[in-house]
Amino acid sequence: MDNQKKCLYEKFGGDQQVSELIDQFYYKVLFDKLLRDKFLKADMSRVRYQQKRFFSQMMGDKNTQYTGRDLIEVHKNLNITNQQFDKFKTHLKNIAQDMEVPNQDIDELLQHVENHRDLIVFSK
């Protein structure tokens, strides 16, 4: 019963696991021809830091406040396509599976990410 009360962040394993997910994710992204161009000019340590905060808050961590720029502001000039967004989600899913995160938690994570598609994809 107790597991039902935990937010996704807690079920995931907290800060260390979220950090691991994001670090692994950007490692994969920077080797992905479809995605890496979007990050060539980015300060990756800053991107990872903000993404960790964003994911922690999105996954229900009450102690983390995302303080980065508005998602629309960040993404509107990057011409991100639905195909790229889908690839982003595929990387997340594969890494979470490698980390042995339960499938229902992965599905919940991917649904949270999907809910932000319209703030990130501007190249229809």
PDB file of N, CA and C in Angstrom:
ATOM      1  N   MET A   1       0.835  -1.210   0.000  1.00  0.00           N
ATOM      2  CA  MET A   1       0.000   0.000   0.000  1.00  0.00           C
ATOM      3  C   MET A   1       0.868   1.258   0.000  1.00  0.00           C
ATOM      4  N   ASP A   2       1.942   1.193   0.750  1.00  0.00           N
ATOM      5  CA  ASP A   2       2.792   2.360   0.954  1.00  0.00           C
ATOM      6  C   ASP A   2       3.356   2.909  -0.358  1.00  0.00           C
ATOM      7  N   ASN A   3       3.651   2.002  -1.286  1.00  0.00           N
ATOM      8  CA  ASN A   3       4.245   2.416  -2.554  1.00  0.00           C
ATOM      9  C   ASN A   3       3.325   3.354  -3.344  1.00  0.00           C
ATOM     10  N   GLN A   4       2.032   3.235  -3.132  1.00  0.00           N
ATOM     11  CA  GLN A   4       1.075   4.093  -3.842  1.00  0.00           C
ATOM     12  C   GLN A   4       1.239   5.561  -3.442  1.00  0.00           C
ATOM     13  N   LYS A   5       1.695   5.789  -2.212  1.00  0.00           N
ATOM     14  CA  LYS A   5       1.806   7.164  -1.718  1.00  0.00           C
ATOM     15  C   LYS A   5       3.083   7.843  -2.209  1.00  0.00           C
ATOM     16  N   LYS A   6       4.051   7.064  -2.636  1.00  0.00           N
ATOM     17  CA  LYS A   6       5.314   7.637  -3.091  1.00  0.00           C
ATOM     18  C   LYS A   6       5.138   8.312  -4.439  1.00  0.00           C
ATOM     19  N   CYS A   7       5.781   9.452  -4.612  1.00  0.00           N
ATOM     20  CA  CYS A   7       5.773  10.085  -5.923  1.00  0.00           C
ATOM     21  C   CYS A   7       6.798   9.373  -6.806  1.00  0.00           C
ATOM     22  N   LEU A   8       6.748   9.648  -8.084  1.00  0.00           N
ATOM     23  CA  LEU A   8       7.638   8.989  -9.034  1.00  0.00           C
ATOM     24  C   LEU A   8       9.104   9.236  -8.670  1.00  0.00           C
ATOM     25  N   TYR A   9       9.404  10.436  -8.222  1.00  0.00           N
ATOM     26  CA  TYR A   9      10.781  10.791  -7.831  1.00  0.00           C
ATOM     27  C   TYR A   9      11.295   9.842  -6.754  1.00  0.00           C
ATOM     28  N   GLU A  10      10.468   9.571  -5.756  1.00  0.00           N
ATOM     29  CA  GLU A  10      10.854   8.668  -4.666  1.00  0.00           C
ATOM     30  C   GLU A  10      10.954   7.233  -5.160  1.00  0.00           C
ATOM     31  N   LYS A  11       9.970   6.817  -5.976  1.00  0.00           N
ATOM     32  CA  LYS A  11       9.987   5.459  -6.511  1.00  0.00           C
ATOM     33  C   LYS A  11      11.232   5.237  -7.373  1.00  0.00           C
ATOM     34  N   PHE A  12      11.648   6.286  -8.048  1.00  0.00           N
ATOM     35  CA  PHE A  12      12.807   6.223  -8.931  1.00  0.00           C
ATOM     36  C   PHE A  12      14.104   6.052  -8.145  1.00  0.00           C
ATOM     37  N   GLY A  13      14.107   6.548  -6.924  1.00  0.00           N
ATOM     38  CA  GLY A  13      15.301   6.427  -6.096  1.00  0.00           C
ATOM     39  C   GLY A  13      15.927   7.763  -5.736  1.00  0.00           C
ATOM     40  N   GLY A  14      15.196   8.848  -6.014  1.00  0.00           N
ATOM     41  CA  GLY A  14      15.649  10.155  -5.562  1.00  0.00           C
ATOM     42  C   GLY A  14      16.736  10.783  -6.426  1.00  0.00           C
ATOM     43  N   ASP A  15      17.415  11.714  -5.808  1.00  0.00           N
ATOM     44  CA  ASP A  15      18.342  12.597  -6.512  1.00  0.00           C
ATOM     45  C   ASP A  15      19.429  11.851  -7.280  1.00  0.00           C
ATOM     46  N   GLN A  16      20.031  10.866  -6.652  1.00  0.00           N
ATOM     47  CA  GLN A  16      21.147  10.173  -7.294  1.00  0.00           C
ATOM     48  C   GLN A  16      20.708   9.469  -8.571  1.00  0.00           C
ATOM     49  N   GLN A  17      19.543   8.831  -8.512  1.00  0.00           N
ATOM     50  CA  GLN A  17      19.045   8.097  -9.671  1.00  0.00           C
ATOM     51  C   GLN A  17      18.608   9.038 -10.795  1.00  0.00           C
ATOM     52  N   VAL A  18      17.999  10.153 -10.427  1.00  0.00           N
ATOM     53  CA  VAL A  18      17.605  11.133 -11.446  1.00  0.00           C
ATOM     54  C   VAL A  18      18.855  11.717 -12.103  1.00  0.00           C
ATOM     55  N   SER A  19      19.873  12.000 -11.300  1.00  0.00           N
ATOM     56  CA  SER A  19      21.142  12.510 -11.846  1.00  0.00           C
ATOM     57  C   SER A  19      21.761  11.517 -12.811  1.00  0.00           C
ATOM     58  N   GLU A  20      21.740  10.259 -12.425  1.00  0.00           N
ATOM     59  CA  GLU A  20      22.288   9.200 -13.266  1.00  0.00           C
ATOM     60  C   GLU A  20      21.529   9.111 -14.594  1.00  0.00           C
ATOM     61  N   LEU A  21      20.209   9.167 -14.515  1.00  0.00           N
ATOM     62  CA  LEU A  21      19.372   9.122 -15.716  1.00  0.00           C
ATOM     63  C   LEU A  21      19.746  10.248 -16.676  1.00  0.00           C
ATOM     64  N   ILE A  22      19.838  11.465 -16.151  1.00  0.00           N
ATOM     65  CA  ILE A  22      20.098  12.632 -17.002  1.00  0.00           C
ATOM     66  C   ILE A  22      21.524  12.587 -17.565  1.00  0.00           C
ATOM     67  N   ASP A  23      22.493  12.195 -16.742  1.00  0.00           N
ATOM     68  CA  ASP A  23      23.870  12.104 -17.234  1.00  0.00           C
ATOM     69  C   ASP A  23      23.996  11.078 -18.359  1.00  0.00           C
ATOM     70  N   GLN A  24      23.402   9.910 -18.147  1.00  0.00           N
ATOM     71  CA  GLN A  24      23.421   8.866 -19.178  1.00  0.00           C
ATOM     72  C   GLN A  24      22.707   9.354 -20.435  1.00  0.00           C
ATOM     73  N   PHE A  25      21.620  10.056 -20.215  1.00  0.00           N
ATOM     74  CA  PHE A  25      20.810  10.550 -21.325  1.00  0.00           C
ATOM     75  C   PHE A  25      21.621  11.486 -22.218  1.00  0.00           C
ATOM     76  N   TYR A  26      22.295  12.471 -21.613  1.00  0.00           N
ATOM     77  CA  TYR A  26      23.043  13.422 -22.440  1.00  0.00           C
ATOM     78  C   TYR A  26      24.271  12.785 -23.071  1.00  0.00           C
ATOM     79  N   TYR A  27      24.801  11.777 -22.431  1.00  0.00           N
ATOM     80  CA  TYR A  27      25.891  11.029 -23.059  1.00  0.00           C
ATOM     81  C   TYR A  27      25.390  10.424 -24.371  1.00  0.00           C
ATOM     82  N   LYS A  28      24.203   9.817 -24.333  1.00  0.00           N
ATOM     83  CA  LYS A  28      23.624   9.218 -25.544  1.00  0.00           C
ATOM     84  C   LYS A  28      23.255  10.278 -26.583  1.00  0.00           C
ATOM     85  N   VAL A  29      22.654  11.366 -26.126  1.00  0.00           N
ATOM     86  CA  VAL A  29      22.203  12.419 -27.038  1.00  0.00           C
ATOM     87  C   VAL A  29      23.373  13.001 -27.830  1.00  0.00           C
ATOM     88  N   LEU A  30      24.493  13.187 -27.163  1.00  0.00           N
ATOM     89  CA  LEU A  30      25.625  13.829 -27.831  1.00  0.00           C
ATOM     90  C   LEU A  30      26.281  12.914 -28.873  1.00  0.00           C
ATOM     91  N   PHE A  31      25.912  11.639 -28.860  1.00  0.00           N
ATOM     92  CA  PHE A  31      26.383  10.714 -29.894  1.00  0.00           C
ATOM     93  C   PHE A  31      25.280  10.393 -30.904  1.00  0.00           C
ATOM     94  N   ASP A  32      24.141  11.049 -30.777  1.00  0.00           N
ATOM     95  CA  ASP A  32      22.999  10.781 -31.651  1.00  0.00           C
ATOM     96  C   ASP A  32      22.944  11.848 -32.747  1.00  0.00           C
ATOM     97  N   LYS A  33      23.156  11.420 -33.988  1.00  0.00           N
ATOM     98  CA  LYS A  33      23.198  12.382 -35.106  1.00  0.00           C
ATOM     99  C   LYS A  33      21.924  13.214 -35.206  1.00  0.00           C
ATOM    100  N   LEU A  34      20.803  12.598 -34.846  1.00  0.00           N
ATOM    101  CA  LEU A  34      19.515  13.290 -34.973  1.00  0.00           C
ATOM    102  C   LEU A  34      19.370  14.412 -33.945  1.00  0.00           C
ATOM    103  N   LEU A  35      20.027  14.271 -32.802  1.00  0.00           N
ATOM    104  CA  LEU A  35      19.799  15.192 -31.682  1.00  0.00           C
ATOM    105  C   LEU A  35      20.977  16.097 -31.331  1.00  0.00           C
ATOM    106  N   ARG A  36      22.192  15.661 -31.621  1.00  0.00           N
ATOM    107  CA  ARG A  36      23.335  16.370 -31.038  1.00  0.00           C
ATOM    108  C   ARG A  36      23.480  17.812 -31.502  1.00  0.00           C
ATOM    109  N   ASP A  37      23.032  18.104 -32.737  1.00  0.00           N
ATOM    110  CA  ASP A  37      23.153  19.471 -33.243  1.00  0.00           C
ATOM    111  C   ASP A  37      22.418  20.479 -32.367  1.00  0.00           C
ATOM    112  N   LYS A  38      21.374  20.028 -31.707  1.00  0.00           N
ATOM    113  CA  LYS A  38      20.581  20.941 -30.877  1.00  0.00           C
ATOM    114  C   LYS A  38      21.377  21.408 -29.650  1.00  0.00           C
ATOM    115  N   PHE A  39      22.472  20.703 -29.351  1.00  0.00           N
ATOM    116  CA  PHE A  39      23.212  21.004 -28.123  1.00  0.00           C
ATOM    117  C   PHE A  39      24.617  21.529 -28.377  1.00  0.00           C
ATOM    118  N   LEU A  40      24.967  21.723 -29.645  1.00  0.00           N
ATOM    119  CA  LEU A  40      26.342  22.110 -29.970  1.00  0.00           C
ATOM    120  C   LEU A  40      26.760  23.420 -29.303  1.00  0.00           C
ATOM    121  N   LYS A  41      25.828  24.360 -29.218  1.00  0.00           N
ATOM    122  CA  LYS A  41      26.179  25.670 -28.667  1.00  0.00           C
ATOM    123  C   LYS A  41      25.843  25.778 -27.183  1.00  0.00           C
ATOM    124  N   ALA A  42      25.327  24.705 -26.629  1.00  0.00           N
ATOM    125  CA  ALA A  42      24.839  24.760 -25.247  1.00  0.00           C
ATOM    126  C   ALA A  42      25.968  24.546 -24.241  1.00  0.00           C
ATOM    127  N   ASP A  43      25.798  25.146 -23.078  1.00  0.00           N
ATOM    128  CA  ASP A  43      26.662  24.879 -21.928  1.00  0.00           C
ATOM    129  C   ASP A  43      26.104  23.612 -21.279  1.00  0.00           C
ATOM    130  N   MET A  44      26.739  22.480 -21.544  1.00  0.00           N
ATOM    131  CA  MET A  44      26.140  21.209 -21.158  1.00  0.00           C
ATOM    132  C   MET A  44      26.047  21.002 -19.648  1.00  0.00           C
ATOM    133  N   SER A  45      26.977  21.563 -18.900  1.00  0.00           N
ATOM    134  CA  SER A  45      26.851  21.390 -17.441  1.00  0.00           C
ATOM    135  C   SER A  45      25.619  22.139 -16.944  1.00  0.00           C
ATOM    136  N   ARG A  46      25.353  23.291 -17.537  1.00  0.00           N
ATOM    137  CA  ARG A  46      24.149  24.046 -17.184  1.00  0.00           C
ATOM    138  C   ARG A  46      22.885  23.315 -17.643  1.00  0.00           C
ATOM    139  N   VAL A  47      22.920  22.786 -18.864  1.00  0.00           N
ATOM    140  CA  VAL A  47      21.769  22.042 -19.387  1.00  0.00           C
ATOM    141  C   VAL A  47      21.448  20.864 -18.469  1.00  0.00           C
ATOM    142  N   ARG A  48      22.481  20.104 -18.090  1.00  0.00           N
ATOM    143  CA  ARG A  48      22.256  18.938 -17.229  1.00  0.00           C
ATOM    144  C   ARG A  48      21.713  19.358 -15.865  1.00  0.00           C
ATOM    145  N   TYR A  49      22.291  20.434 -15.315  1.00  0.00           N
ATOM    146  CA  TYR A  49      21.837  20.912 -14.002  1.00  0.00           C
ATOM    147  C   TYR A  49      20.355  21.295 -14.048  1.00  0.00           C
ATOM    148  N   GLN A  50      19.980  22.085 -15.040  1.00  0.00           N
ATOM    149  CA  GLN A  50      18.582  22.531 -15.143  1.00  0.00           C
ATOM    150  C   GLN A  50      17.662  21.356 -15.447  1.00  0.00           C
ATOM    151  N   GLN A  51      18.127  20.421 -16.276  1.00  0.00           N
ATOM    152  CA  GLN A  51      17.292  19.278 -16.632  1.00  0.00           C
ATOM    153  C   GLN A  51      17.052  18.389 -15.410  1.00  0.00           C
ATOM    154  N   LYS A  52      18.077  18.224 -14.586  1.00  0.00           N
ATOM    155  CA  LYS A  52      17.908  17.432 -13.355  1.00  0.00           C
ATOM    156  C   LYS A  52      16.865  18.076 -12.452  1.00  0.00           C
ATOM    157  N   ARG A  53      16.934  19.386 -12.319  1.00  0.00           N
ATOM    158  CA  ARG A  53      15.955  20.098 -11.486  1.00  0.00           C
ATOM    159  C   ARG A  53      14.559  19.980 -12.086  1.00  0.00           C
ATOM    160  N   PHE A  54      14.480  20.136 -13.400  1.00  0.00           N
ATOM    161  CA  PHE A  54      13.188  20.053 -14.067  1.00  0.00           C
ATOM    162  C   PHE A  54      12.574  18.665 -13.882  1.00  0.00           C
ATOM    163  N   PHE A  55      13.380  17.634 -14.127  1.00  0.00           N
ATOM    164  CA  PHE A  55      12.877  16.266 -13.998  1.00  0.00           C
ATOM    165  C   PHE A  55      12.491  15.957 -12.548  1.00  0.00           C
ATOM    166  N   SER A  56      13.297  16.398 -11.602  1.00  0.00           N
ATOM    167  CA  SER A  56      12.982  16.142 -10.187  1.00  0.00           C
ATOM    168  C   SER A  56      11.631  16.746  -9.829  1.00  0.00           C
ATOM    169  N   GLN A  57      11.426  17.992 -10.229  1.00  0.00           N
ATOM    170  CA  GLN A  57      10.152  18.658  -9.942  1.00  0.00           C
ATOM    171  C   GLN A  57       9.011  17.970 -10.691  1.00  0.00           C
ATOM    172  N   MET A  58       9.223  17.658 -11.950  1.00  0.00           N
ATOM    173  CA  MET A  58       8.190  17.020 -12.772  1.00  0.00           C
ATOM    174  C   MET A  58       7.784  15.664 -12.186  1.00  0.00           C
ATOM    175  N   MET A  59       8.752  14.976 -11.572  1.00  0.00           N
ATOM    176  CA  MET A  59       8.510  13.648 -11.014  1.00  0.00           C
ATOM    177  C   MET A  59       7.985  13.708  -9.581  1.00  0.00           C
ATOM    178  N   GLY A  60       7.750  14.919  -9.080  1.00  0.00           N
ATOM    179  CA  GLY A  60       7.046  15.061  -7.806  1.00  0.00           C
ATOM    180  C   GLY A  60       7.897  15.393  -6.592  1.00  0.00           C
ATOM    181  N   ASP A  61       9.175  15.743  -6.797  1.00  0.00           N
ATOM    182  CA  ASP A  61      10.007  16.121  -5.657  1.00  0.00           C
ATOM    183  C   ASP A  61       9.612  17.511  -5.179  1.00  0.00           C
ATOM    184  N   LYS A  62       9.069  17.566  -3.975  1.00  0.00           N
ATOM    185  CA  LYS A  62       8.558  18.845  -3.440  1.00  0.00           C
ATOM    186  C   LYS A  62       9.695  19.806  -3.062  1.00  0.00           C
ATOM    187  N   ASN A  63      10.909  19.268  -2.914  1.00  0.00           N
ATOM    188  CA  ASN A  63      12.025  20.104  -2.448  1.00  0.00           C
ATOM    189  C   ASN A  63      12.825  20.731  -3.578  1.00  0.00           C
ATOM    190  N   THR A  64      12.481  20.400  -4.805  1.00  0.00           N
ATOM    191  CA  THR A  64      13.227  20.942  -5.935  1.00  0.00           C
ATOM    192  C   THR A  64      12.337  21.882  -6.719  1.00  0.00           C
ATOM    193  N   GLN A  65      12.857  23.053  -6.999  1.00  0.00           N
ATOM    194  CA  GLN A  65      12.132  24.047  -7.777  1.00  0.00           C
ATOM    195  C   GLN A  65      12.922  24.297  -9.056  1.00  0.00           C
ATOM    196  N   TYR A  66      12.305  24.050 -10.193  1.00  0.00           N
ATOM    197  CA  TYR A  66      12.965  24.363 -11.462  1.00  0.00           C
ATOM    198  C   TYR A  66      13.007  25.873 -11.601  1.00  0.00           C
ATOM    199  N   THR A  67      14.204  26.422 -11.803  1.00  0.00           N
ATOM    200  CA  THR A  67      14.350  27.881 -11.884  1.00  0.00           C
ATOM    201  C   THR A  67      14.909  28.309 -13.236  1.00  0.00           C
ATOM    202  N   GLY A  68      14.953  27.367 -14.166  1.00  0.00           N
ATOM    203  CA  GLY A  68      15.484  27.689 -15.488  1.00  0.00           C
ATOM    204  C   GLY A  68      14.512  28.519 -16.294  1.00  0.00           C
ATOM    205  N   ARG A  69      14.922  28.807 -17.514  1.00  0.00           N
ATOM    206  CA  ARG A  69      14.074  29.604 -18.396  1.00  0.00           C
ATOM    207  C   ARG A  69      12.818  28.838 -18.769  1.00  0.00           C
ATOM    208  N   ASP A  70      11.795  29.600 -19.118  1.00  0.00           N
ATOM    209  CA  ASP A  70      10.530  29.035 -19.581  1.00  0.00           C
ATOM    210  C   ASP A  70      10.777  28.065 -20.745  1.00  0.00           C
ATOM    211  N   LEU A  71      10.095  26.934 -20.725  1.00  0.00           N
ATOM    212  CA  LEU A  71      10.342  25.901 -21.741  1.00  0.00           C
ATOM    213  C   LEU A  71      10.118  26.396 -23.164  1.00  0.00           C
ATOM    214  N   ILE A  72       9.109  27.222 -23.348  1.00  0.00           N
ATOM    215  CA  ILE A  72       8.852  27.749 -24.692  1.00  0.00           C
ATOM    216  C   ILE A  72      10.007  28.639 -25.127  1.00  0.00           C
ATOM    217  N   GLU A  73      10.464  29.507 -24.223  1.00  0.00           N
ATOM    218  CA  GLU A  73      11.596  30.389 -24.527  1.00  0.00           C
ATOM    219  C   GLU A  73      12.833  29.590 -24.929  1.00  0.00           C
ATOM    220  N   VAL A  74      13.094  28.534 -24.182  1.00  0.00           N
ATOM    221  CA  VAL A  74      14.285  27.720 -24.427  1.00  0.00           C
ATOM    222  C   VAL A  74      14.222  27.041 -25.794  1.00  0.00           C
ATOM    223  N   HIS A  75      13.045  26.574 -26.183  1.00  0.00           N
ATOM    224  CA  HIS A  75      12.948  25.679 -27.340  1.00  0.00           C
ATOM    225  C   HIS A  75      12.421  26.305 -28.620  1.00  0.00           C
ATOM    226  N   LYS A  76      11.822  27.496 -28.548  1.00  0.00           N
ATOM    227  CA  LYS A  76      11.078  27.980 -29.713  1.00  0.00           C
ATOM    228  C   LYS A  76      11.943  28.210 -30.954  1.00  0.00           C
ATOM    229  N   ASN A  77      13.233  28.486 -30.778  1.00  0.00           N
ATOM    230  CA  ASN A  77      14.085  28.735 -31.944  1.00  0.00           C
ATOM    231  C   ASN A  77      14.956  27.535 -32.323  1.00  0.00           C
ATOM    232  N   LEU A  78      14.715  26.402 -31.696  1.00  0.00           N
ATOM    233  CA  LEU A  78      15.547  25.223 -31.965  1.00  0.00           C
ATOM    234  C   LEU A  78      14.985  24.322 -33.068  1.00  0.00           C
ATOM    235  N   ASN A  79      13.760  24.618 -33.522  1.00  0.00           N
ATOM    236  CA  ASN A  79      13.144  23.822 -34.592  1.00  0.00           C
ATOM    237  C   ASN A  79      13.149  22.331 -34.295  1.00  0.00           C
ATOM    238  N   ILE A  80      12.773  21.976 -33.101  1.00  0.00           N
ATOM    239  CA  ILE A  80      12.715  20.568 -32.710  1.00  0.00           C
ATOM    240  C   ILE A  80      11.481  19.930 -33.339  1.00  0.00           C
ATOM    241  N   THR A  81      11.685  18.767 -33.933  1.00  0.00           N
ATOM    242  CA  THR A  81      10.602  18.066 -34.633  1.00  0.00           C
ATOM    243  C   THR A  81       9.989  16.998 -33.727  1.00  0.00           C
ATOM    244  N   ASN A  82       8.826  16.516 -34.125  1.00  0.00           N
ATOM    245  CA  ASN A  82       8.212  15.400 -33.402  1.00  0.00           C
ATOM    246  C   ASN A  82       9.111  14.169 -33.432  1.00  0.00           C
ATOM    247  N   GLN A  83       9.784  13.959 -34.551  1.00  0.00           N
ATOM    248  CA  GLN A  83      10.706  12.817 -34.679  1.00  0.00           C
ATOM    249  C   GLN A  83      11.826  12.926 -33.628  1.00  0.00           C
ATOM    250  N   GLN A  84      12.364  14.123 -33.455  1.00  0.00           N
ATOM    251  CA  GLN A  84      13.430  14.325 -32.460  1.00  0.00           C
ATOM    252  C   GLN A  84      12.892  14.145 -31.040  1.00  0.00           C
ATOM    253  N   PHE A  85      11.705  14.652 -30.805  1.00  0.00           N
ATOM    254  CA  PHE A  85      11.093  14.496 -29.482  1.00  0.00           C
ATOM    255  C   PHE A  85      10.882  13.015 -29.173  1.00  0.00           C
ATOM    256  N   ASP A  86      10.418  12.266 -30.170  1.00  0.00           N
ATOM    257  CA  ASP A  86      10.209  10.824 -29.985  1.00  0.00           C
ATOM    258  C   ASP A  86      11.528  10.116 -29.690  1.00  0.00           C
ATOM    259  N   LYS A  87      12.585  10.547 -30.368  1.00  0.00           N
ATOM    260  CA  LYS A  87      13.904   9.925 -30.162  1.00  0.00           C
ATOM    261  C   LYS A  87      14.391  10.213 -28.733  1.00  0.00           C
ATOM    262  N   PHE A  88      14.165  11.423 -28.282  1.00  0.00           N
ATOM    263  CA  PHE A  88      14.484  11.846 -26.913  1.00  0.00           C
ATOM    264  C   PHE A  88      13.819  10.882 -25.920  1.00  0.00           C
ATOM    265  N   LYS A  89      12.537  10.628 -26.143  1.00  0.00           N
ATOM    266  CA  LYS A  89      11.789   9.723 -25.263  1.00  0.00           C
ATOM    267  C   LYS A  89      12.319   8.288 -25.345  1.00  0.00           C
ATOM    268  N   THR A  90      12.716   7.857 -26.543  1.00  0.00           N
ATOM    269  CA  THR A  90      13.258   6.509 -26.705  1.00  0.00           C
ATOM    270  C   THR A  90      14.548   6.349 -25.895  1.00  0.00           C
ATOM    271  N   HIS A  91      15.425   7.351 -25.960  1.00  0.00           N
ATOM    272  CA  HIS A  91      16.657   7.301 -25.159  1.00  0.00           C
ATOM    273  C   HIS A  91      16.326   7.212 -23.669  1.00  0.00           C
ATOM    274  N   LEU A  92      15.409   8.046 -23.215  1.00  0.00           N
ATOM    275  CA  LEU A  92      15.027   8.023 -21.794  1.00  0.00           C
ATOM    276  C   LEU A  92      14.525   6.642 -21.396  1.00  0.00           C
ATOM    277  N   LYS A  93      13.668   6.090 -22.233  1.00  0.00           N
ATOM    278  CA  LYS A  93      13.084   4.784 -21.940  1.00  0.00           C
ATOM    279  C   LYS A  93      14.168   3.709 -21.842  1.00  0.00           C
ATOM    280  N   ASN A  94      15.083   3.697 -22.815  1.00  0.00           N
ATOM    281  CA  ASN A  94      16.137   2.681 -22.835  1.00  0.00           C
ATOM    282  C   ASN A  94      17.053   2.791 -21.620  1.00  0.00           C
ATOM    283  N   ILE A  95      17.391   4.016 -21.245  1.00  0.00           N
ATOM    284  CA  ILE A  95      18.269   4.210 -20.089  1.00  0.00           C
ATOM    285  C   ILE A  95      17.567   3.772 -18.812  1.00  0.00           C
ATOM    286  N   ALA A  96      16.303   4.164 -18.676  1.00  0.00           N
ATOM    287  CA  ALA A  96      15.543   3.768 -17.480  1.00  0.00           C
ATOM    288  C   ALA A  96      15.439   2.240 -17.403  1.00  0.00           C
ATOM    289  N   GLN A  97      15.253   1.592 -18.547  1.00  0.00           N
ATOM    290  CA  GLN A  97      15.203   0.121 -18.565  1.00  0.00           C
ATOM    291  C   GLN A  97      16.551  -0.456 -18.142  1.00  0.00           C
ATOM    292  N   ASP A  98      17.637   0.135 -18.643  1.00  0.00           N
ATOM    293  CA  ASP A  98      18.986  -0.312 -18.246  1.00  0.00           C
ATOM    294  C   ASP A  98      19.200  -0.147 -16.748  1.00  0.00           C
ATOM    295  N   MET A  99      18.569   0.873 -16.175  1.00  0.00           N
ATOM    296  CA  MET A  99      18.674   1.138 -14.737  1.00  0.00           C
ATOM    297  C   MET A  99      17.709   0.255 -13.934  1.00  0.00           C
ATOM    298  N   GLU A 100      16.975  -0.596 -14.662  1.00  0.00           N
ATOM    299  CA  GLU A 100      16.034  -1.533 -14.052  1.00  0.00           C
ATOM    300  C   GLU A 100      14.891  -0.844 -13.305  1.00  0.00           C
ATOM    301  N   VAL A 101      14.468   0.275 -13.857  1.00  0.00           N
ATOM    302  CA  VAL A 101      13.283   0.966 -13.343  1.00  0.00           C
ATOM    303  C   VAL A 101      12.061   0.156 -13.780  1.00  0.00           C
ATOM    304  N   PRO A 102      11.096  -0.067 -12.876  1.00  0.00           N
ATOM    305  CA  PRO A 102       9.890  -0.824 -13.262  1.00  0.00           C
ATOM    306  C   PRO A 102       9.141  -0.162 -14.425  1.00  0.00           C
ATOM    307  N   ASN A 103       8.566  -1.012 -15.282  1.00  0.00           N
ATOM    308  CA  ASN A 103       7.898  -0.501 -16.490  1.00  0.00           C
ATOM    309  C   ASN A 103       6.819   0.528 -16.201  1.00  0.00           C
ATOM    310  N   GLN A 104       6.042   0.344 -15.129  1.00  0.00           N
ATOM    311  CA  GLN A 104       4.960   1.309 -14.881  1.00  0.00           C
ATOM    312  C   GLN A 104       5.527   2.682 -14.503  1.00  0.00           C
ATOM    313  N   ASP A 105       6.695   2.685 -13.852  1.00  0.00           N
ATOM    314  CA  ASP A 105       7.341   3.959 -13.522  1.00  0.00           C
ATOM    315  C   ASP A 105       7.911   4.610 -14.781  1.00  0.00           C
ATOM    316  N   ILE A 106       8.440   3.784 -15.680  1.00  0.00           N
ATOM    317  CA  ILE A 106       8.938   4.316 -16.953  1.00  0.00           C
ATOM    318  C   ILE A 106       7.783   4.922 -17.744  1.00  0.00           C
ATOM    319  N   ASP A 107       6.654   4.205 -17.782  1.00  0.00           N
ATOM    320  CA  ASP A 107       5.480   4.720 -18.502  1.00  0.00           C
ATOM    321  C   ASP A 107       5.022   6.056 -17.927  1.00  0.00           C
ATOM    322  N   GLU A 108       5.043   6.157 -16.594  1.00  0.00           N
ATOM    323  CA  GLU A 108       4.637   7.402 -15.937  1.00  0.00           C
ATOM    324  C   GLU A 108       5.604   8.531 -16.291  1.00  0.00           C
ATOM    325  N   LEU A 109       6.902   8.221 -16.270  1.00  0.00           N
ATOM    326  CA  LEU A 109       7.913   9.219 -16.633  1.00  0.00           C
ATOM    327  C   LEU A 109       7.697   9.707 -18.061  1.00  0.00           C
ATOM    328  N   LEU A 110       7.497   8.772 -18.981  1.00  0.00           N
ATOM    329  CA  LEU A 110       7.338   9.139 -20.389  1.00  0.00           C
ATOM    330  C   LEU A 110       6.053   9.932 -20.611  1.00  0.00           C
ATOM    331  N   GLN A 111       5.028   9.654 -19.817  1.00  0.00           N
ATOM    332  CA  GLN A 111       3.788  10.431 -19.918  1.00  0.00           C
ATOM    333  C   GLN A 111       4.021  11.871 -19.450  1.00  0.00           C
ATOM    334  N   HIS A 112       4.778  12.031 -18.367  1.00  0.00           N
ATOM    335  CA  HIS A 112       5.129  13.390 -17.911  1.00  0.00           C
ATOM    336  C   HIS A 112       5.857  14.143 -19.020  1.00  0.00           C
ATOM    337  N   VAL A 113       6.818  13.467 -19.656  1.00  0.00           N
ATOM    338  CA  VAL A 113       7.583  14.101 -20.735  1.00  0.00           C
ATOM    339  C   VAL A 113       6.657  14.440 -21.897  1.00  0.00           C
ATOM    340  N   GLU A 114       5.798  13.501 -22.262  1.00  0.00           N
ATOM    341  CA  GLU A 114       4.867  13.701 -23.379  1.00  0.00           C
ATOM    342  C   GLU A 114       3.978  14.923 -23.140  1.00  0.00           C
ATOM    343  N   ASN A 115       3.601  15.161 -21.897  1.00  0.00           N
ATOM    344  CA  ASN A 115       2.733  16.296 -21.568  1.00  0.00           C
ATOM    345  C   ASN A 115       3.380  17.642 -21.904  1.00  0.00           C
ATOM    346  N   HIS A 116       4.692  17.646 -22.142  1.00  0.00           N
ATOM    347  CA  HIS A 116       5.408  18.885 -22.463  1.00  0.00           C
ATOM    348  C   HIS A 116       5.710  19.033 -23.953  1.00  0.00           C
ATOM    349  N   ARG A 117       5.235  18.085 -24.753  1.00  0.00           N
ATOM    350  CA  ARG A 117       5.574  18.104 -26.189  1.00  0.00           C
ATOM    351  C   ARG A 117       5.268  19.458 -26.836  1.00  0.00           C
ATOM    352  N   ASP A 118       4.099  20.020 -26.542  1.00  0.00           N
ATOM    353  CA  ASP A 118       3.691  21.254 -27.206  1.00  0.00           C
ATOM    354  C   ASP A 118       4.515  22.470 -26.796  1.00  0.00           C
ATOM    355  N   LEU A 119       5.292  22.344 -25.722  1.00  0.00           N
ATOM    356  CA  LEU A 119       6.160  23.444 -25.294  1.00  0.00           C
ATOM    357  C   LEU A 119       7.552  23.323 -25.903  1.00  0.00           C
ATOM    358  N   ILE A 120       7.806  22.206 -26.573  1.00  0.00           N
ATOM    359  CA  ILE A 120       9.160  21.888 -27.040  1.00  0.00           C
ATOM    360  C   ILE A 120       9.236  21.719 -28.542  1.00  0.00           C
ATOM    361  N   VAL A 121       8.190  21.135 -29.146  1.00  0.00           N
ATOM    362  CA  VAL A 121       8.172  20.888 -30.586  1.00  0.00           C
ATOM    363  C   VAL A 121       7.516  22.079 -31.290  1.00  0.00           C
ATOM    364  N   PHE A 122       8.310  22.778 -32.110  1.00  0.00           N
ATOM    365  CA  PHE A 122       7.751  23.920 -32.844  1.00  0.00           C
ATOM    366  C   PHE A 122       7.856  23.734 -34.348  1.00  0.00           C
ATOM    367  N   SER A 123       8.552  22.699 -34.770  1.00  0.00           N
ATOM    368  CA  SER A 123       8.720  22.441 -36.186  1.00  0.00           C
ATOM    369  C   SER A 123       7.764  21.312 -36.552  1.00  0.00           C
ATOM    370  N   LYS A 124       6.549  21.665 -36.901  1.00  0.00           N
ATOM    371  CA  LYS A 124       5.505  20.655 -37.130  1.00  0.00           C
ATOM    372  C   LYS A 124       5.715  19.927 -38.458  1.00  0.00           C
TER     373      LYS A 124
END
